[in-house]
Amino acid sequence: VDQSSSKVAEMPVEDKYKYNSGFGNEFATEDPRCPGALPEGQNNPQKCAYGLYAEQLSGTAFTAPRVANQRTWLYRILPSVKHVPFKKYGGNDLVSNKLDEQVPNPNQLRWKPFDIPKEPTDWVDGLRTVAGAGDPRVRSGLSIHVFVCNTAMKDKAFYSSDGDLLIVPQQGNLDIITEMGRMLVKPNQICVIQQGIRFSVNVNGATRGYVLEVFNNHFVLPDLGPIGANGLANPRDFLTPVAWFEDRQADFKIVSKYQGHLFVAEQDHSPFDVVAWHGNYAPYKYDLANFCTVNSVSFDHMDPSIFTVLTCPSAKPGTATADFVIFPPRWSVAENTFRPPYYHRNCMSEFMGLILGRYEAKESGFNPGGATLHSMMTPHGPDADCFEQWTNKELGPIKVAEGTQAFMFETSFQLALTKWGEETCKKIDEEYFQCWQRLEKHFKI
């Protein structure tokens, strides 16, 4: 499958990489430079073609039910075990699971756009943890990070031992090399790189975005229920890279996120030496412009769950460890209805980011590259200007959110802020609460 540019934002860089199409599929792929590298009829032959090593990467327990079991067999030039011991990584101390340093903050929070450093900074060194919950040691919880960078990861790879990474670029393209192949991820696109998969990010200039890391489980498509067989994010639009390898000697650094800390090991070769692979545990990308929205065509404002792209289930049915939800361009036609998001208190925590444009419930103050957090049971909703405008607006078919893409990481966990997220970044807008202070009493008897 050749990947075309986004339908919402003009992306001048052409994606020349090749992909396989489908969500959760069993793929089998080999680099065309080495035909026959995939073994026939077995996973672990006594001797692999081309003198390769066979290595299995397990994303679930061996005995997980078949419907949920995820694993991939890799056929590589050298096994990933060939490296010197890990040591504490000194290049970035802002990735953290220290969630008890700050006094809990129940207020509505808004961050101004996060600064992109001027000094050379790659994706790993530009990763900052904003908030989180739980503990990767017990495989329960999540972390929310942002990344701000401006230079490529040179002879360096990263992987998380703690969980799956859902990466949302906001500014700048991400040219990503993974063990399974290459993918180009642009603003208004996302990618998921699962636990343990090594990757390197190349960028060209100032780059910024968001990361949702989940510890409990893997992301799946939400059930559609009465919607039927089609709609929301369709499986065919998810793209997984085809096999690609490099046979390169270099002083490579492998950075591991392990129990909330970064460690580094050195090796004398590129980790991107997988000549062929087969399985269902592999990274993928998705263009948010392909999302098929579902909404009311009669009256009332539907719950935002109808905009869920991916969900990471918890052990409690219908309650997510985290949902990834978007608010894309769409038609609004509900009659006799206050159409913007309703005023709300929630048993979930809502972290929002803005990729581009202006969010319809708050058209000022919430800017691309910034964020908001409305914590568990903290009231939130449209600002005073939005309420007055939409209460008195003449209703009819209206295209909303044109040129806009906002998103939400919604979680059933209480979120705690890191010191960087609340203090060090110096991006919290202390005047955010003012947007509701002009709400007036209209009650009359």
Protein backbone atom coordinates (compact mmCIF):
# COMPACT_ATOMS: atom_id res chain seq x y z
CA VAL A 1 0.00 0.00 0.00
CA ASP A 2 1.32 3.44 -0.91
CA GLN A 3 0.43 6.08 1.67
CA SER A 4 -0.92 9.39 0.36
CA SER A 5 -0.90 12.74 2.12
CA SER A 6 -3.42 13.81 4.76
CA LYS A 7 -6.80 15.17 3.67
CA VAL A 8 -6.91 17.86 6.38
CA ALA A 9 -3.49 19.47 6.50
CA GLU A 10 -1.22 19.97 3.53
CA MET A 11 1.83 17.78 4.01
CA PRO A 12 4.41 18.46 1.32
CA VAL A 13 6.69 15.53 2.18
CA GLU A 14 5.82 12.43 0.16
CA ASP A 15 5.67 9.11 1.99
CA LYS A 16 7.70 6.74 -0.17
CA TYR A 17 7.62 3.83 2.25
CA LYS A 18 5.59 0.67 1.65
CA TYR A 19 3.05 -0.74 4.10
CA ASN A 20 0.76 -3.66 4.73
CA SER A 21 -2.88 -2.75 5.38
CA GLY A 22 -5.10 -3.91 8.24
CA PHE A 23 -5.45 -3.80 12.02
CA GLY A 24 -4.19 -6.71 14.11
CA ASN A 25 -3.46 -8.85 11.08
CA GLU A 26 -0.95 -11.67 10.79
CA PHE A 27 1.67 -10.28 8.42
CA ALA A 28 4.55 -12.03 6.67
CA THR A 29 7.15 -9.82 5.00
CA GLU A 30 10.74 -9.98 3.84
CA ASP A 31 13.11 -7.40 2.41
CA PRO A 32 13.15 -7.91 -1.38
CA ARG A 33 16.95 -7.84 -1.28
CA CYS A 34 16.80 -11.26 0.43
CA PRO A 35 14.11 -13.40 -1.21
CA GLY A 36 13.33 -16.56 0.72
CA ALA A 37 14.49 -15.16 4.06
CA LEU A 38 11.20 -16.21 5.68
CA PRO A 39 11.26 -19.91 6.61
CA GLU A 40 8.51 -22.05 5.11
CA GLY A 41 6.25 -24.09 7.39
CA GLN A 42 8.07 -23.44 10.67
CA ASN A 43 9.27 -20.62 12.92
CA ASN A 44 12.67 -21.74 14.17
CA PRO A 45 14.63 -23.83 11.65
CA GLN A 46 17.94 -25.40 12.59
CA LYS A 47 19.61 -23.10 10.08
CA CYS A 48 17.94 -19.93 8.87
CA ALA A 49 18.40 -18.67 5.32
CA TYR A 50 21.28 -16.24 4.74
CA GLY A 51 22.79 -17.21 8.11
CA LEU A 52 20.14 -15.24 10.02
CA TYR A 53 19.11 -15.71 13.64
CA ALA A 54 15.50 -16.43 14.62
CA GLU A 55 14.15 -14.39 17.54
CA GLN A 56 10.63 -14.25 18.94
CA LEU A 57 9.20 -11.01 20.36
CA SER A 58 6.22 -11.73 22.64
CA GLY A 59 3.68 -9.00 23.32
CA THR A 60 1.40 -11.19 25.45
CA ALA A 61 1.87 -14.21 27.70
CA PHE A 62 2.45 -17.47 25.85
CA THR A 63 -0.87 -18.77 27.17
CA ALA A 64 -3.00 -15.70 26.40
CA PRO A 65 -6.20 -16.65 24.54
CA ARG A 66 -5.59 -17.02 20.84
CA VAL A 67 -7.89 -14.10 20.01
CA ALA A 68 -5.66 -11.81 22.10
CA ASN A 69 -2.27 -13.50 21.66
CA GLN A 70 0.38 -11.27 20.05
CA ARG A 71 3.87 -12.23 18.98
CA THR A 72 6.23 -11.83 16.04
CA TRP A 73 9.13 -13.91 14.77
CA LEU A 74 12.11 -11.86 13.60
CA TYR A 75 14.85 -13.12 11.28
CA ARG A 76 17.82 -10.90 11.90
CA ILE A 77 21.54 -10.56 11.26
CA LEU A 78 22.40 -10.59 14.97
CA PRO A 79 20.12 -11.31 17.94
CA SER A 80 19.19 -8.34 20.09
CA VAL A 81 20.91 -9.88 23.11
CA LYS A 82 24.34 -8.85 21.78
CA HIS A 83 25.04 -5.66 23.74
CA VAL A 84 27.05 -4.62 26.80
CA PRO A 85 25.24 -4.14 30.15
CA PHE A 86 22.77 -1.30 30.66
CA LYS A 87 23.73 1.76 32.67
CA LYS A 88 21.71 4.73 33.85
CA TYR A 89 21.15 7.12 30.93
CA GLY A 90 22.38 10.64 31.60
CA GLY A 91 20.91 12.42 28.60
CA ASN A 92 17.40 13.07 29.96
CA ASP A 93 16.10 13.17 33.54
CA LEU A 94 12.66 14.52 32.61
CA VAL A 95 11.14 11.12 31.86
CA SER A 96 9.79 10.16 35.22
CA ASN A 97 7.33 8.04 37.15
CA LYS A 98 7.78 10.19 40.27
CA LEU A 99 4.13 11.00 40.79
CA ASP A 100 4.24 11.77 44.52
CA GLU A 101 6.53 14.82 44.36
CA GLN A 102 3.66 17.27 43.86
CA VAL A 103 0.61 17.97 45.99
CA PRO A 104 -2.44 16.75 44.01
CA ASN A 105 -3.98 19.53 41.92
CA PRO A 106 -7.75 19.23 41.24
CA ASN A 107 -7.99 22.47 39.26
CA GLN A 108 -8.79 22.86 35.58
CA LEU A 109 -5.38 23.16 33.93
CA ARG A 110 -4.25 24.57 30.61
CA TRP A 111 -0.74 24.56 29.20
CA LYS A 112 0.49 27.06 26.67
CA PRO A 113 2.40 25.47 23.75
CA PHE A 114 5.45 23.61 25.01
CA ASP A 115 8.77 25.18 24.03
CA ILE A 116 10.96 23.48 21.43
CA PRO A 117 14.60 23.75 22.50
CA LYS A 118 17.07 25.75 20.43
CA GLU A 119 20.06 23.57 21.29
CA PRO A 120 20.37 20.27 19.35
CA THR A 121 17.94 17.82 20.96
CA ASP A 122 16.80 14.45 19.60
CA TRP A 123 13.49 12.68 20.27
CA VAL A 124 14.74 10.72 23.30
CA ASP A 125 16.38 13.71 24.94
CA GLY A 126 13.32 15.86 24.19
CA LEU A 127 10.85 13.51 25.89
CA ARG A 128 9.15 15.01 29.00
CA THR A 129 6.61 13.37 31.29
CA VAL A 130 3.66 15.64 32.09
CA ALA A 131 1.38 13.37 34.10
CA GLY A 132 0.68 9.77 34.92
CA ALA A 133 -0.93 7.18 37.15
CA GLY A 134 -0.15 3.74 38.45
CA ASP A 135 3.11 1.85 38.23
CA PRO A 136 4.69 -0.07 35.35
CA ARG A 137 6.10 -2.54 37.87
CA VAL A 138 2.61 -3.92 38.41
CA ARG A 139 1.51 -3.40 34.78
CA SER A 140 -1.21 -0.94 35.73
CA GLY A 141 -1.51 2.71 34.71
CA LEU A 142 -0.20 5.10 32.10
CA SER A 143 2.08 8.05 31.44
CA ILE A 144 1.44 11.14 29.32
CA HIS A 145 4.52 12.70 27.75
CA VAL A 146 5.30 15.45 25.27
CA PHE A 147 8.30 15.51 22.96
CA VAL A 148 10.13 18.61 21.75
CA CYS A 149 13.14 18.10 19.50
CA ASN A 150 14.99 19.37 16.45
CA THR A 151 17.56 16.79 15.41
CA ALA A 152 17.71 13.14 14.40
CA MET A 153 18.59 10.25 16.69
CA LYS A 154 22.05 9.41 15.35
CA ASP A 155 23.15 5.83 16.03
CA LYS A 156 20.61 5.63 18.83
CA ALA A 157 17.47 3.55 19.33
CA PHE A 158 14.77 3.63 21.98
CA TYR A 159 12.23 1.20 23.36
CA SER A 160 9.86 1.11 26.31
CA SER A 161 9.85 -1.92 28.57
CA ASP A 162 6.93 -0.34 30.42
CA GLY A 163 4.19 -0.15 27.82
CA ASP A 164 2.87 0.69 24.36
CA LEU A 165 3.48 4.18 22.96
CA LEU A 166 0.79 6.07 21.01
CA ILE A 167 2.64 8.95 19.35
CA VAL A 168 0.83 12.07 18.10
CA PRO A 169 3.04 14.50 16.13
CA GLN A 170 1.81 18.10 16.23
CA GLN A 171 4.60 19.94 14.40
CA GLY A 172 7.12 18.35 12.05
CA ASN A 173 7.23 14.94 10.41
CA LEU A 174 8.56 11.84 12.18
CA ASP A 175 10.65 9.59 9.94
CA ILE A 176 10.73 6.45 12.07
CA ILE A 177 12.88 3.36 11.63
CA THR A 178 11.65 0.34 13.60
CA GLU A 179 12.86 -3.22 13.81
CA MET A 180 9.96 -4.18 11.53
CA GLY A 181 10.51 -1.45 8.93
CA ARG A 182 10.13 2.25 8.24
CA MET A 183 7.18 4.63 8.45
CA LEU A 184 6.64 8.34 7.97
CA VAL A 185 4.22 9.90 10.46
CA LYS A 186 3.00 13.43 9.81
CA PRO A 187 0.88 15.84 11.85
CA ASN A 188 -2.74 14.65 11.75
CA GLN A 189 -1.44 11.10 11.72
CA ILE A 190 -0.54 8.85 14.66
CA CYS A 191 1.51 5.74 15.21
CA VAL A 192 1.62 3.03 17.84
CA ILE A 193 4.91 1.36 18.76
CA GLN A 194 4.37 -1.49 21.16
CA GLN A 195 6.28 -2.45 24.28
CA GLY A 196 9.79 -3.69 23.54
CA ILE A 197 10.00 -2.66 19.88
CA ARG A 198 13.13 -0.63 19.14
CA PHE A 199 12.90 2.46 17.00
CA SER A 200 14.75 5.61 15.98
CA VAL A 201 13.16 8.96 15.07
CA ASN A 202 14.58 11.28 12.42
CA VAL A 203 13.28 14.84 12.24
CA ASN A 204 14.02 17.89 10.13
CA GLY A 205 13.84 21.03 12.26
CA ALA A 206 11.57 22.03 15.12
CA THR A 207 9.30 19.11 16.05
CA ARG A 208 6.71 18.67 18.79
CA GLY A 209 4.01 16.24 19.80
CA TYR A 210 2.35 14.10 22.45
CA VAL A 211 2.75 10.52 23.68
CA LEU A 212 0.31 8.27 25.53
CA GLU A 213 2.01 5.27 27.16
CA VAL A 214 -0.19 2.50 28.55
CA PHE A 215 1.03 -0.20 30.93
CA ASN A 216 -1.97 -2.55 31.21
CA ASN A 217 -2.70 -3.81 27.76
CA HIS A 218 -2.46 -3.14 24.03
CA PHE A 219 -4.62 -0.77 22.00
CA VAL A 220 -7.59 -2.22 20.12
CA LEU A 221 -10.36 -0.82 17.97
CA PRO A 222 -13.50 0.01 19.98
CA ASP A 223 -16.50 -2.24 19.54
CA LEU A 224 -19.10 -0.68 17.25
CA GLY A 225 -22.24 -2.24 18.77
CA PRO A 226 -25.41 -1.00 17.05
CA ILE A 227 -23.36 1.19 14.70
CA GLY A 228 -22.73 -2.00 12.75
CA ALA A 229 -19.76 -3.36 10.86
CA ASN A 230 -18.36 -0.06 9.52
CA GLY A 231 -17.49 3.40 10.74
CA LEU A 232 -15.11 5.25 13.07
CA ALA A 233 -11.56 4.01 12.37
CA ASN A 234 -11.81 1.30 9.72
CA PRO A 235 -9.28 -1.55 10.05
CA ARG A 236 -8.04 -1.32 6.46
CA ASP A 237 -6.69 2.21 7.06
CA PHE A 238 -4.09 1.08 9.60
CA LEU A 239 -0.70 0.62 7.96
CA THR A 240 2.17 -1.57 9.18
CA PRO A 241 5.66 -1.24 7.68
CA VAL A 242 7.15 -3.94 5.49
CA ALA A 243 10.49 -5.50 6.34
CA TRP A 244 13.60 -3.40 5.78
CA PHE A 245 17.08 -3.84 7.18
CA GLU A 246 20.50 -2.25 7.34
CA ASP A 247 23.74 -4.19 7.90
CA ARG A 248 25.81 -1.46 9.47
CA GLN A 249 28.62 -1.42 11.99
CA ALA A 250 28.40 1.54 14.37
CA ASP A 251 28.73 2.47 18.02
CA PHE A 252 25.01 2.24 18.70
CA LYS A 253 23.24 3.31 21.88
CA ILE A 254 20.09 1.41 22.89
CA VAL A 255 17.99 3.45 25.33
CA SER A 256 15.44 1.52 27.39
CA LYS A 257 12.63 2.99 29.47
CA TYR A 258 12.42 0.55 32.36
CA GLN A 259 10.27 1.06 35.46
CA GLY A 260 10.00 4.75 34.66
CA HIS A 261 13.75 5.33 34.29
CA LEU A 262 16.01 5.53 31.24
CA PHE A 263 18.95 3.18 30.81
CA VAL A 264 21.43 2.82 27.96
CA ALA A 265 23.41 -0.09 26.54
CA GLU A 266 26.00 0.03 23.78
CA GLN A 267 26.49 -2.34 20.86
CA ASP A 268 28.65 -2.39 17.77
CA HIS A 269 25.92 -2.76 15.13
CA SER A 270 22.58 -1.37 14.06
CA PRO A 271 19.54 -2.94 15.76
CA PHE A 272 17.57 -2.44 12.54
CA ASP A 273 18.89 -5.66 11.01
CA VAL A 274 15.64 -7.63 10.71
CA VAL A 275 15.63 -9.06 7.19
CA ALA A 276 12.22 -10.73 7.48
CA TRP A 277 9.44 -11.16 10.02
CA HIS A 278 6.01 -12.65 10.46
CA GLY A 279 3.42 -12.20 13.20
CA ASN A 280 0.82 -9.82 14.59
CA TYR A 281 2.94 -7.77 17.01
CA ALA A 282 4.21 -4.85 14.97
CA PRO A 283 3.98 -1.04 14.89
CA TYR A 284 1.39 0.75 12.79
CA LYS A 285 0.29 4.22 11.68
CA TYR A 286 -3.08 5.79 10.97
CA ASP A 287 -4.19 8.96 9.20
CA LEU A 288 -6.81 10.75 11.32
CA ALA A 289 -8.32 12.19 8.14
CA ASN A 290 -9.65 8.69 7.41
CA PHE A 291 -11.82 8.62 10.54
CA CYS A 292 -15.52 8.17 9.68
CA THR A 293 -17.44 10.29 12.18
CA VAL A 294 -20.79 9.27 13.61
CA ASN A 295 -23.05 11.86 15.21
CA SER A 296 -26.65 12.85 15.96
CA VAL A 297 -28.80 13.69 12.94
CA SER A 298 -31.83 14.63 15.04
CA PHE A 299 -31.20 16.26 18.44
CA ASP A 300 -28.83 16.38 21.44
CA HIS A 301 -25.06 16.23 21.72
CA MET A 302 -23.69 12.70 21.69
CA ASP A 303 -21.08 11.59 24.21
CA PRO A 304 -17.48 11.99 22.93
CA SER A 305 -16.96 8.23 23.04
CA ILE A 306 -18.39 8.16 19.49
CA PHE A 307 -15.09 9.72 18.38
CA THR A 308 -12.86 6.97 19.84
CA VAL A 309 -10.09 5.90 17.48
CA LEU A 310 -8.34 3.38 19.74
CA THR A 311 -8.91 2.07 23.25
CA CYS A 312 -6.75 0.24 25.75
CA PRO A 313 -9.15 -1.91 27.79
CA SER A 314 -8.95 -2.40 31.52
CA ALA A 315 -10.16 -5.45 33.43
CA LYS A 316 -13.50 -3.67 34.00
CA PRO A 317 -15.83 -4.10 31.01
CA GLY A 318 -16.56 -0.88 29.14
CA THR A 319 -14.01 1.10 31.16
CA ALA A 320 -10.73 1.93 29.48
CA THR A 321 -7.25 2.23 30.85
CA ALA A 322 -7.12 4.93 28.17
CA ASP A 323 -9.08 5.98 25.09
CA PHE A 324 -7.67 8.00 22.22
CA VAL A 325 -10.47 10.28 21.02
CA ILE A 326 -10.43 12.93 18.27
CA PHE A 327 -12.65 15.88 17.35
CA PRO A 328 -12.29 16.12 13.57
CA PRO A 329 -14.03 18.26 10.95
CA ARG A 330 -17.66 17.14 10.67
CA TRP A 331 -21.20 18.30 9.96
CA SER A 332 -23.35 19.44 12.88
CA VAL A 333 -27.10 19.25 12.22
CA ALA A 334 -28.82 18.59 15.57
CA GLU A 335 -32.04 20.59 15.98
CA ASN A 336 -33.02 22.57 19.09
CA THR A 337 -29.69 21.57 20.62
CA PHE A 338 -26.75 23.26 22.31
CA ARG A 339 -24.21 21.77 19.93
CA PRO A 340 -20.80 22.36 21.57
CA PRO A 341 -19.61 19.92 24.27
CA TYR A 342 -21.91 20.05 27.27
CA TYR A 343 -20.93 21.11 30.80
CA HIS A 344 -19.54 18.04 32.45
CA ARG A 345 -18.16 16.32 35.52
CA ASN A 346 -16.59 12.98 34.79
CA CYS A 347 -15.47 9.84 36.63
CA MET A 348 -12.65 9.77 34.04
CA SER A 349 -9.66 12.10 33.60
CA GLU A 350 -9.49 14.08 30.34
CA PHE A 351 -6.16 15.28 28.91
CA MET A 352 -6.58 17.19 25.64
CA GLY A 353 -4.13 18.38 23.02
CA LEU A 354 -4.52 20.41 19.85
CA ILE A 355 -2.75 19.39 16.65
CA LEU A 356 -4.00 22.22 14.46
CA GLY A 357 -6.73 24.83 14.21
CA ARG A 358 -9.07 26.08 16.95
CA TYR A 359 -11.11 23.88 19.28
CA GLU A 360 -14.80 24.78 18.97
CA ALA A 361 -15.55 24.86 22.73
CA LYS A 362 -12.67 27.28 23.46
CA GLU A 363 -11.53 29.20 20.42
CA SER A 364 -9.00 31.33 22.32
CA GLY A 365 -6.28 30.34 24.76
CA PHE A 366 -6.09 26.67 23.75
CA ASN A 367 -3.41 26.63 21.07
CA PRO A 368 -1.72 23.97 18.93
CA GLY A 369 1.13 22.38 20.87
CA GLY A 370 -0.55 23.14 24.20
CA ALA A 371 -2.80 21.00 26.39
CA THR A 372 -5.55 20.93 28.98
CA LEU A 373 -6.30 18.58 31.86
CA HIS A 374 -9.73 18.25 33.46
CA SER A 375 -9.24 15.83 36.29
CA MET A 376 -11.65 13.36 37.79
CA MET A 377 -14.89 15.10 38.84
CA THR A 378 -13.44 18.56 38.09
CA PRO A 379 -16.14 20.63 36.29
CA HIS A 380 -15.44 21.76 32.75
CA GLY A 381 -17.21 22.82 29.60
CA PRO A 382 -17.62 25.67 27.10
CA ASP A 383 -16.35 29.11 28.01
CA ALA A 384 -18.67 32.11 28.33
CA ASP A 385 -18.21 33.30 24.75
CA CYS A 386 -18.98 29.84 23.36
CA PHE A 387 -22.09 29.51 25.48
CA GLU A 388 -23.48 32.88 24.44
CA GLN A 389 -22.69 32.35 20.77
CA TRP A 390 -24.21 28.87 20.47
CA THR A 391 -27.21 29.57 22.68
CA ASN A 392 -28.30 32.33 20.34
CA LYS A 393 -27.01 30.97 17.04
CA GLU A 394 -29.42 30.28 14.21
CA LEU A 395 -29.17 26.54 13.74
CA GLY A 396 -28.83 24.74 10.45
CA PRO A 397 -26.34 22.36 8.84
CA ILE A 398 -22.91 23.69 9.85
CA LYS A 399 -19.46 22.29 9.12
CA VAL A 400 -17.59 22.50 12.43
CA ALA A 401 -13.91 22.15 13.23
CA GLU A 402 -12.77 22.82 9.67
CA GLY A 403 -8.98 22.92 9.57
CA THR A 404 -8.92 21.68 13.17
CA GLN A 405 -7.85 18.51 14.91
CA ALA A 406 -8.14 18.28 18.69
CA PHE A 407 -7.74 15.03 20.58
CA MET A 408 -8.21 13.59 24.05
CA PHE A 409 -6.43 10.98 26.13
CA GLU A 410 -9.22 9.85 28.46
CA THR A 411 -8.42 7.51 31.31
CA SER A 412 -10.19 5.81 34.22
CA PHE A 413 -7.14 6.59 36.38
CA GLN A 414 -6.63 9.68 38.52
CA LEU A 415 -3.74 11.61 36.93
CA ALA A 416 -0.91 13.09 38.97
CA LEU A 417 1.38 15.79 37.61
CA THR A 418 5.13 15.54 37.50
CA LYS A 419 7.23 18.40 38.79
CA TRP A 420 8.17 19.24 35.21
CA GLY A 421 4.54 19.24 34.12
CA GLU A 422 3.35 21.51 36.92
CA GLU A 423 6.36 23.73 37.62
CA THR A 424 9.53 23.35 35.58
CA CYS A 425 8.00 23.75 32.12
CA LYS A 426 6.46 27.09 33.21
CA LYS A 427 3.64 26.67 30.70
CA ILE A 428 0.56 26.42 32.92
CA ASP A 429 -1.86 29.26 32.21
CA GLU A 430 -2.74 30.66 35.63
CA GLU A 431 -5.67 32.58 34.12
CA TYR A 432 -7.44 29.58 32.63
CA PHE A 433 -10.24 29.66 35.21
CA GLN A 434 -11.19 33.15 34.04
CA CYS A 435 -12.83 31.80 30.87
CA TRP A 436 -15.79 30.62 32.98
CA GLN A 437 -16.05 33.61 35.31
CA ARG A 438 -18.18 35.62 32.86
CA LEU A 439 -20.90 32.96 32.79
CA GLU A 440 -24.08 34.77 33.85
CA LYS A 441 -27.19 33.71 35.70
CA HIS A 442 -30.13 33.52 33.25
CA PHE A 443 -32.60 31.92 35.65
CA LYS A 444 -36.05 33.49 35.74
CA ILE A 445 -39.35 32.53 37.35
